Amino acid sequence: MTDVRPWPAWPTHTARTERHLLAALRSGRWAVSGAHTGGESYEQAFATAFADFLGVSHAVPTCNGSAALTIALEALGVRAGDEVLIPGLTWVACASTVLRVGAVPVLVDVDPDTLCMSAAAAEAAITPRTRAVMAVHLFGSAVDLDAMTALTRRHDLALLEDCSHVHGATWRGARLGSFGDAAAFSLQQTKLLTCGEGGVAVTSDPAVHDLLYRKRVDGRRRRADAPVGELELVELPGVQGYNYCMSEFNAAVALDGLSRLDEENARRRRSMRRLEELLEGFDGARPLTRPDGLTADAAYQYCVRLDPAVFGPGAKDAVAASLSRELGVQVEPIDSALHRNVLYQPLTSGWAGRTDGGRARELDPARFELPHAEFAGENAVVIPHRVFLAPPERMELVLSGLEKARAQAVSS
């Protein structure tokens, strides 16, 4: 008998979410830039809770993940003309935020087993202009942080973790996001921790934190002794900032979601392990390799790699469409490698400035050779995390969907 039960919904909320939202609505303060009402803001409460959750000293909520990356890059000292190493397989915002601060995104190939940035390829890409490495943890796997932290220390580079896929995951028992000089998270609607749109930048360095805070609130700084009815923000010289603040409503939603994150991730892990057991005997599809240091994984999107000898080369679109039909939930083709991704158009952006001569050559993504990223970017699909909130026995449906997609590929 066909299992017609719907998959768990996402995003989700609880009665406590509603209470938080109603309290924020009635508080008279809807933003960081609203007058102090005498109590702790939801934005500050979430910042404290998130920092404690990660085991870092400071968290700065932002309006989205791109804003978190932008202020983190600037707070770490990345300036116009600097180079930042980013993985050749990642969401376009990782590159566009580097462009936004006037720096040059240098695309680095990925490890073929984890699909995260290769430390060896990163070392080969370092030049005298390199200022930072953006270590992006993708698809339930992770950058080899042992190798990457050693690399950045050896070359005196800043390490910026992008943890937008892995909220709550741990490396050797410590949360991802606590290893870099700073880290950034997205809280967009589909993420493991969401408030619709939002982000967080974190650090344990007080000087970096001061810059993160001020850069996302137009250069101002929070004061602890603000009288009721006045702003908690004080205007100071020295920092050019932006309005990248998270609203009180978003912070209220995020605060409640954080309280459920560990339990939800534990449910997802049980179902991910079951799918991996099923894939052990399946010809043509396999999961990513989890590095030994990844002591607890978390996957915003779960990646299944496709063998082109079985499914045919570049089968990601057909397999994603077939799985989506079979499961009744959107399964997406993996993003193409950045140098082939239609969303990455640095030569047409306002951030690129003049696009003649050397500037055009260094920003042209076609100059990078990324064989592993290119192969992976055409031969994998990603399954949304809400599927794994279902009981482990329902992973049989995912395997059945892959079997049907394989049969269609073989017969075509």
Protein backbone atom coordinates (compact mmCIF):
# COMPACT_ATOMS: atom_id res chain seq x y z
CA MET A 1 0.00 0.00 0.00
CA THR A 2 1.34 3.43 -0.98
CA ASP A 3 2.30 5.70 1.90
CA VAL A 4 0.34 8.91 1.22
CA ARG A 5 1.08 10.66 4.49
CA PRO A 6 2.37 14.20 3.99
CA TRP A 7 5.92 15.02 4.93
CA PRO A 8 6.46 17.18 8.01
CA ALA A 9 5.78 20.85 7.36
CA TRP A 10 8.46 23.54 7.40
CA PRO A 11 8.73 26.16 8.76
CA THR A 12 6.95 25.26 11.96
CA HIS A 13 5.99 27.09 15.11
CA THR A 14 4.64 26.44 18.58
CA ALA A 15 2.34 28.16 21.03
CA ARG A 16 5.47 29.65 22.58
CA THR A 17 6.38 31.20 19.20
CA GLU A 18 3.00 32.89 19.15
CA ARG A 19 3.44 34.15 22.72
CA HIS A 20 6.85 35.60 21.84
CA LEU A 21 5.44 37.32 18.76
CA LEU A 22 2.48 38.75 20.64
CA ALA A 23 4.74 40.01 23.41
CA ALA A 24 6.98 41.70 20.83
CA LEU A 25 3.93 43.21 19.14
CA ARG A 26 2.62 44.64 22.39
CA SER A 27 5.99 45.78 23.72
CA GLY A 28 6.08 49.05 21.81
CA ARG A 29 9.57 48.21 20.58
CA TRP A 30 9.76 46.49 17.21
CA ALA A 31 13.43 47.04 16.34
CA VAL A 32 16.89 47.62 17.77
CA SER A 33 16.43 51.25 16.78
CA GLY A 34 13.20 51.54 18.78
CA ALA A 35 13.08 53.26 22.16
CA HIS A 36 14.12 51.22 25.19
CA THR A 37 11.08 49.95 27.09
CA GLY A 38 12.83 48.88 30.27
CA GLY A 39 13.16 45.16 29.49
CA GLU A 40 15.59 43.12 27.45
CA SER A 41 14.89 43.20 23.73
CA TYR A 42 14.19 39.94 21.90
CA GLU A 43 17.13 40.74 19.65
CA GLN A 44 19.50 40.86 22.62
CA ALA A 45 17.92 37.78 24.22
CA PHE A 46 18.39 35.81 21.01
CA ALA A 47 21.97 37.06 20.61
CA THR A 48 22.84 35.86 24.10
CA ALA A 49 21.09 32.52 23.68
CA PHE A 50 22.69 31.84 20.30
CA ALA A 51 26.18 32.68 21.56
CA ASP A 52 25.66 30.36 24.53
CA PHE A 53 24.37 27.62 22.22
CA LEU A 54 27.50 27.82 20.06
CA GLY A 55 29.94 28.29 22.91
CA VAL A 56 31.20 31.64 21.62
CA SER A 57 31.39 34.98 23.39
CA HIS A 58 29.29 37.14 21.08
CA ALA A 59 26.49 36.91 18.50
CA VAL A 60 25.15 39.75 16.36
CA PRO A 61 21.77 39.14 14.67
CA THR A 62 21.30 40.57 11.18
CA CYS A 63 18.54 40.94 8.60
CA ASN A 64 19.83 38.02 6.52
CA GLY A 65 22.78 35.70 6.05
CA SER A 66 24.37 37.82 3.33
CA ALA A 67 24.46 40.76 5.74
CA ALA A 68 26.15 38.54 8.34
CA LEU A 69 28.82 37.53 5.82
CA THR A 70 29.34 41.13 4.71
CA ILE A 71 29.93 42.57 8.17
CA ALA A 72 32.07 39.56 9.11
CA LEU A 73 34.34 40.09 6.11
CA GLU A 74 34.78 43.77 6.95
CA ALA A 75 35.23 43.13 10.68
CA LEU A 76 38.00 40.64 9.84
CA GLY A 77 39.87 43.32 7.92
CA VAL A 78 39.03 42.38 4.33
CA ARG A 79 39.42 45.47 2.17
CA ALA A 80 39.18 46.49 -1.47
CA GLY A 81 41.67 44.58 -3.59
CA ASP A 82 42.17 41.77 -1.06
CA GLU A 83 41.55 38.18 -2.11
CA VAL A 84 39.20 35.85 -0.25
CA LEU A 85 39.25 32.11 -0.90
CA ILE A 86 35.77 30.62 -1.29
CA PRO A 87 34.70 27.14 -2.40
CA GLY A 88 33.91 26.63 -6.06
CA LEU A 89 30.69 24.86 -5.08
CA THR A 90 28.45 26.97 -2.84
CA TRP A 91 25.56 29.43 -2.86
CA VAL A 92 26.24 32.58 -4.85
CA ALA A 93 26.06 34.87 -1.79
CA CYS A 94 29.43 33.60 -0.62
CA ALA A 95 30.99 35.19 -3.70
CA SER A 96 28.72 38.22 -3.98
CA THR A 97 29.44 39.37 -0.42
CA VAL A 98 33.16 39.31 -1.19
CA LEU A 99 32.46 41.49 -4.23
CA ARG A 100 30.32 43.76 -2.06
CA VAL A 101 33.27 44.71 0.14
CA GLY A 102 35.45 45.37 -2.91
CA ALA A 103 37.54 42.21 -2.60
CA VAL A 104 38.24 39.47 -5.14
CA PRO A 105 36.56 36.06 -4.78
CA VAL A 106 39.11 33.34 -5.55
CA LEU A 107 37.29 30.10 -6.35
CA VAL A 108 38.90 27.01 -4.84
CA ASP A 109 38.12 23.41 -5.75
CA VAL A 110 36.36 21.10 -3.32
CA ASP A 111 37.19 17.76 -1.80
CA PRO A 112 35.47 15.13 -3.98
CA ASP A 113 34.18 13.18 -0.96
CA THR A 114 32.84 15.99 1.27
CA LEU A 115 32.17 18.65 -1.45
CA CYS A 116 33.58 21.24 0.96
CA MET A 117 36.66 23.34 0.23
CA SER A 118 39.85 21.31 -0.07
CA ALA A 119 42.57 22.50 2.29
CA ALA A 120 45.24 21.42 -0.20
CA ALA A 121 43.56 23.36 -3.02
CA ALA A 122 43.19 26.36 -0.72
CA GLU A 123 46.89 26.37 0.10
CA ALA A 124 47.74 26.25 -3.60
CA ALA A 125 45.49 29.29 -4.21
CA ILE A 126 47.10 31.57 -1.60
CA THR A 127 48.88 34.68 -2.92
CA PRO A 128 50.37 37.75 -1.19
CA ARG A 129 46.94 39.40 -1.59
CA THR A 130 44.99 36.65 0.21
CA ARG A 131 43.39 38.00 3.38
CA ALA A 132 40.81 35.42 4.42
CA VAL A 133 39.41 31.93 3.84
CA MET A 134 35.64 31.42 3.81
CA ALA A 135 35.13 27.85 4.98
CA VAL A 136 31.61 26.84 3.94
CA HIS A 137 30.16 23.69 5.55
CA LEU A 138 27.79 22.17 3.00
CA PHE A 139 25.07 19.51 2.71
CA GLY A 140 25.60 17.88 6.10
CA SER A 141 29.34 17.55 5.68
CA ALA A 142 32.06 19.96 6.85
CA VAL A 143 35.35 21.52 5.92
CA ASP A 144 38.31 19.70 7.45
CA LEU A 145 38.73 22.20 10.28
CA ASP A 146 41.88 20.55 11.60
CA ALA A 147 43.62 21.18 8.30
CA MET A 148 41.97 24.53 7.60
CA THR A 149 42.72 26.10 10.97
CA ALA A 150 46.33 24.97 10.69
CA LEU A 151 46.51 26.42 7.18
CA THR A 152 45.10 29.83 8.13
CA ARG A 153 47.37 30.10 11.17
CA ARG A 154 50.40 29.12 9.13
CA HIS A 155 49.72 31.84 6.58
CA ASP A 156 48.28 34.43 9.01
CA LEU A 157 44.88 34.49 7.33
CA ALA A 158 41.46 35.15 8.83
CA LEU A 159 39.13 32.14 8.96
CA LEU A 160 35.45 32.85 8.37
CA GLU A 161 33.06 29.91 8.74
CA ASP A 162 29.79 29.91 6.79
CA CYS A 163 27.49 27.64 8.77
CA SER A 164 24.22 28.30 6.98
CA HIS A 165 23.71 24.58 6.21
CA VAL A 166 24.76 23.15 9.56
CA HIS A 167 23.12 24.88 12.55
CA GLY A 168 23.90 22.78 15.59
CA ALA A 169 26.53 20.45 14.09
CA THR A 170 29.75 19.74 16.01
CA TRP A 171 33.40 19.18 15.14
CA ARG A 172 35.19 17.13 17.79
CA GLY A 173 32.43 18.03 20.22
CA ALA A 174 32.42 21.81 19.66
CA ARG A 175 29.80 23.57 17.56
CA LEU A 176 30.61 24.52 14.00
CA GLY A 177 30.87 28.29 13.98
CA SER A 178 33.07 28.38 17.06
CA PHE A 179 36.36 27.64 15.25
CA GLY A 180 36.80 30.61 12.94
CA ASP A 181 37.79 34.17 13.79
CA ALA A 182 34.14 34.79 12.95
CA ALA A 183 31.25 32.79 11.54
CA ALA A 184 28.02 33.57 9.73
CA PHE A 185 24.63 31.85 9.70
CA SER A 186 21.53 32.32 7.57
CA LEU A 187 18.09 32.04 9.17
CA GLN A 188 16.16 32.12 5.88
CA GLN A 189 12.84 30.28 5.75
CA THR A 190 14.18 26.91 4.56
CA LYS A 191 17.13 26.72 6.99
CA LEU A 192 17.37 24.40 10.02
CA LEU A 193 16.92 27.44 12.26
CA THR A 194 14.69 30.06 10.71
CA CYS A 195 12.82 33.27 11.38
CA GLY A 196 11.72 33.82 7.78
CA GLU A 197 14.64 36.06 6.90
CA GLY A 198 17.56 36.65 9.20
CA GLY A 199 21.18 35.95 9.91
CA VAL A 200 23.74 35.92 12.71
CA ALA A 201 27.44 36.78 12.82
CA VAL A 202 29.41 35.37 15.75
CA THR A 203 32.88 35.66 17.25
CA SER A 204 34.79 35.26 20.50
CA ASP A 205 37.09 38.21 19.74
CA PRO A 206 35.85 41.37 21.53
CA ALA A 207 37.41 43.71 18.95
CA VAL A 208 35.76 41.80 16.09
CA HIS A 209 32.47 41.81 17.99
CA ASP A 210 32.59 45.59 18.41
CA LEU A 211 33.00 45.97 14.66
CA LEU A 212 30.29 43.42 13.87
CA TYR A 213 27.81 45.18 16.13
CA ARG A 214 28.57 48.66 14.86
CA LYS A 215 28.72 47.74 11.19
CA ARG A 216 25.23 46.30 11.19
CA VAL A 217 23.66 49.30 12.98
CA ASP A 218 25.05 52.29 11.04
CA GLY A 219 28.20 52.58 13.14
CA ARG A 220 26.43 52.95 16.47
CA ARG A 221 27.10 51.02 19.67
CA ARG A 222 24.73 49.70 22.33
CA ARG A 223 24.74 51.32 25.77
CA ALA A 224 23.61 49.36 28.79
CA ASP A 225 22.26 52.30 30.82
CA ALA A 226 19.73 53.78 28.41
CA PRO A 227 16.74 55.39 30.17
CA VAL A 228 13.28 54.16 29.27
CA GLY A 229 12.01 56.02 26.23
CA GLU A 230 15.46 56.63 24.75
CA LEU A 231 17.47 54.63 22.24
CA GLU A 232 19.93 52.03 23.50
CA LEU A 233 22.17 53.06 20.59
CA VAL A 234 24.76 55.80 20.89
CA GLU A 235 26.36 57.54 17.90
CA LEU A 236 30.14 57.30 17.70
CA PRO A 237 32.73 58.19 15.04
CA GLY A 238 35.12 55.77 13.37
CA VAL A 239 33.00 53.03 11.77
CA GLN A 240 31.05 53.17 8.52
CA GLY A 241 28.10 50.84 8.95
CA TYR A 242 24.80 49.78 7.42
CA ASN A 243 21.27 49.09 8.58
CA TYR A 244 21.42 45.28 8.64
CA CYS A 245 19.45 44.81 11.87
CA MET A 246 17.07 41.97 12.73
CA SER A 247 13.57 43.02 13.81
CA GLU A 248 12.11 42.11 17.19
CA PHE A 249 9.56 39.86 15.46
CA ASN A 250 12.23 37.85 13.67
CA ALA A 251 14.27 37.58 16.86
CA ALA A 252 11.23 36.35 18.79
CA VAL A 253 10.66 33.57 16.23
CA ALA A 254 14.36 32.64 16.15
CA LEU A 255 14.55 32.46 19.94
CA ASP A 256 11.82 29.85 20.09
CA GLY A 257 13.25 27.90 17.14
CA LEU A 258 16.63 27.70 18.85
CA SER A 259 15.05 25.91 21.81
CA ARG A 260 13.88 23.11 19.47
CA LEU A 261 16.95 22.84 17.25
CA ASP A 262 18.88 20.06 19.00
CA GLU A 263 15.82 17.80 19.27
CA GLU A 264 14.89 18.37 15.63
CA ASN A 265 18.45 17.66 14.50
CA ALA A 266 18.46 14.41 16.49
CA ARG A 267 15.31 13.32 14.63
CA ARG A 268 16.86 14.21 11.31
CA ARG A 269 20.02 12.25 12.10
CA ARG A 270 18.07 9.07 12.78
CA SER A 271 16.39 9.25 9.40
CA MET A 272 19.59 10.27 7.58
CA ARG A 273 21.38 7.25 9.06
CA ARG A 274 18.55 5.02 7.87
CA LEU A 275 18.75 6.39 4.34
CA GLU A 276 22.50 5.79 4.36
CA GLU A 277 21.92 2.18 5.35
CA LEU A 278 19.53 1.78 2.43
CA LEU A 279 21.96 3.41 0.01
CA GLU A 280 24.74 0.97 0.95
CA GLY A 281 23.25 -1.60 -1.39
CA PHE A 282 22.08 0.81 -4.07
CA ASP A 283 23.93 1.01 -7.39
CA GLY A 284 24.39 4.53 -8.71
CA ALA A 285 23.74 6.84 -5.74
CA ARG A 286 25.65 7.52 -2.54
CA PRO A 287 25.76 10.11 0.23
CA LEU A 288 28.61 12.46 1.04
CA THR A 289 31.47 11.37 3.23
CA ARG A 290 31.35 12.72 6.76
CA PRO A 291 34.85 13.59 8.01
CA ASP A 292 36.01 11.84 11.18
CA GLY A 293 36.04 15.15 13.03
CA LEU A 294 32.33 15.73 12.39
CA THR A 295 30.99 14.35 15.65
CA ALA A 296 27.37 15.42 15.09
CA ASP A 297 26.12 16.41 11.66
CA ALA A 298 23.24 18.62 10.60
CA ALA A 299 21.96 18.99 7.06
CA TYR A 300 19.84 21.82 5.70
CA GLN A 301 19.93 19.92 2.40
CA TYR A 302 21.00 16.28 2.22
CA CYS A 303 23.13 15.55 -0.82
CA VAL A 304 22.86 12.35 -2.85
CA ARG A 305 25.58 11.95 -5.47
CA LEU A 306 24.65 10.31 -8.77
CA ASP A 307 26.96 8.03 -10.74
CA PRO A 308 26.87 9.22 -14.36
CA ALA A 309 27.73 5.69 -15.51
CA VAL A 310 24.34 4.62 -14.11
CA PHE A 311 22.10 7.69 -14.38
CA GLY A 312 23.84 9.31 -17.32
CA PRO A 313 26.00 12.45 -17.27
CA GLY A 314 24.40 15.60 -15.88
CA ALA A 315 21.28 13.76 -14.73
CA LYS A 316 20.58 16.02 -11.76
CA ASP A 317 17.59 17.84 -13.26
CA ALA A 318 15.83 14.69 -14.43
CA VAL A 319 16.43 12.84 -11.17
CA ALA A 320 15.34 15.82 -9.05
CA ALA A 321 12.13 16.14 -11.06
CA SER A 322 11.43 12.41 -10.80
CA LEU A 323 12.03 12.35 -7.04
CA SER A 324 9.86 15.43 -6.56
CA ARG A 325 6.97 13.71 -8.33
CA GLU A 326 7.38 10.48 -6.40
CA LEU A 327 7.78 12.02 -2.96
CA GLY A 328 5.44 14.97 -3.28
CA VAL A 329 8.10 17.35 -1.99
CA GLN A 330 10.54 19.50 -3.93
CA VAL A 331 13.91 17.82 -4.43
CA GLU A 332 16.37 20.17 -6.08
CA PRO A 333 19.29 19.64 -8.43
CA ILE A 334 22.52 20.66 -6.76
CA ASP A 335 23.81 24.13 -7.65
CA SER A 336 26.31 24.18 -10.48
CA ALA A 337 29.91 25.07 -9.70
CA LEU A 338 30.23 28.84 -9.28
CA HIS A 339 32.21 29.38 -12.46
CA ARG A 340 29.23 27.88 -14.34
CA ASN A 341 26.42 29.15 -12.11
CA VAL A 342 24.04 31.52 -13.90
CA LEU A 343 23.54 33.51 -10.68
CA TYR A 344 27.21 34.42 -10.41
CA GLN A 345 27.80 37.28 -12.86
CA PRO A 346 30.58 39.40 -11.33
CA LEU A 347 31.45 41.22 -14.56
CA THR A 348 27.93 42.68 -14.78
CA SER A 349 27.68 43.80 -11.15
CA GLY A 350 27.95 47.34 -9.87
CA TRP A 351 30.46 46.09 -7.29
CA ALA A 352 32.93 45.14 -10.02
CA GLY A 353 33.56 48.71 -11.14
CA ARG A 354 35.38 48.94 -14.46
CA THR A 355 35.49 45.60 -16.23
CA ASP A 356 38.44 46.17 -18.53
CA GLY A 357 42.06 45.17 -18.15
CA GLY A 358 43.28 43.40 -15.02
CA ARG A 359 40.10 43.95 -13.00
CA ALA A 360 38.03 42.06 -15.56
CA ARG A 361 40.52 39.21 -15.72
CA GLU A 362 40.71 38.68 -11.97
CA LEU A 363 36.91 38.72 -11.56
CA ASP A 364 36.20 36.48 -14.55
CA PRO A 365 35.03 33.15 -13.04
CA ALA A 366 36.03 31.34 -16.23
CA ARG A 367 39.68 31.66 -15.20
CA PHE A 368 39.28 29.02 -12.47
CA GLU A 369 39.72 25.29 -13.00
CA LEU A 370 37.44 23.40 -10.63
CA PRO A 371 37.17 19.79 -11.82
CA HIS A 372 35.72 18.31 -8.63
CA ALA A 373 33.23 21.15 -8.11
CA GLU A 374 32.23 21.01 -11.76
CA PHE A 375 31.62 17.26 -11.68
CA ALA A 376 29.68 17.36 -8.41
CA GLY A 377 27.67 20.37 -9.57
CA GLU A 378 26.12 18.37 -12.40
CA ASN A 379 25.72 14.97 -10.74
CA ALA A 380 23.86 15.30 -7.44
CA VAL A 381 20.49 16.15 -5.97
CA VAL A 382 19.64 17.67 -2.59
CA ILE A 383 16.74 16.60 -0.38
CA PRO A 384 15.16 19.16 1.99
CA HIS A 385 15.68 18.60 5.69
CA ARG A 386 11.97 18.39 6.44
CA VAL A 387 11.91 14.96 4.82
CA PHE A 388 14.21 13.73 7.59
CA LEU A 389 11.87 14.95 10.30
CA ALA A 390 9.74 11.98 9.26
CA PRO A 391 10.28 8.59 10.96
CA PRO A 392 13.23 6.52 9.69
CA GLU A 393 10.97 3.89 8.11
CA ARG A 394 9.74 6.44 5.59
CA MET A 395 13.21 6.61 4.05
CA GLU A 396 12.13 3.52 2.09
CA LEU A 397 10.11 5.97 -0.01
CA VAL A 398 13.23 7.94 -0.90
CA LEU A 399 14.99 4.77 -1.95
CA SER A 400 11.97 3.71 -4.00
CA GLY A 401 11.99 7.12 -5.70
CA LEU A 402 15.65 6.71 -6.59
CA GLU A 403 14.96 3.23 -7.96
CA LYS A 404 12.26 4.62 -10.25
CA ALA A 405 14.51 7.47 -11.38
CA ARG A 406 17.26 4.97 -12.13
CA ALA A 407 14.89 2.76 -14.10
CA GLN A 408 13.77 5.74 -16.15
CA ALA A 409 17.40 6.70 -16.84
CA VAL A 410 18.34 3.18 -17.93
CA SER A 411 15.33 2.87 -20.24
CA SER A 412 15.78 6.26 -21.91
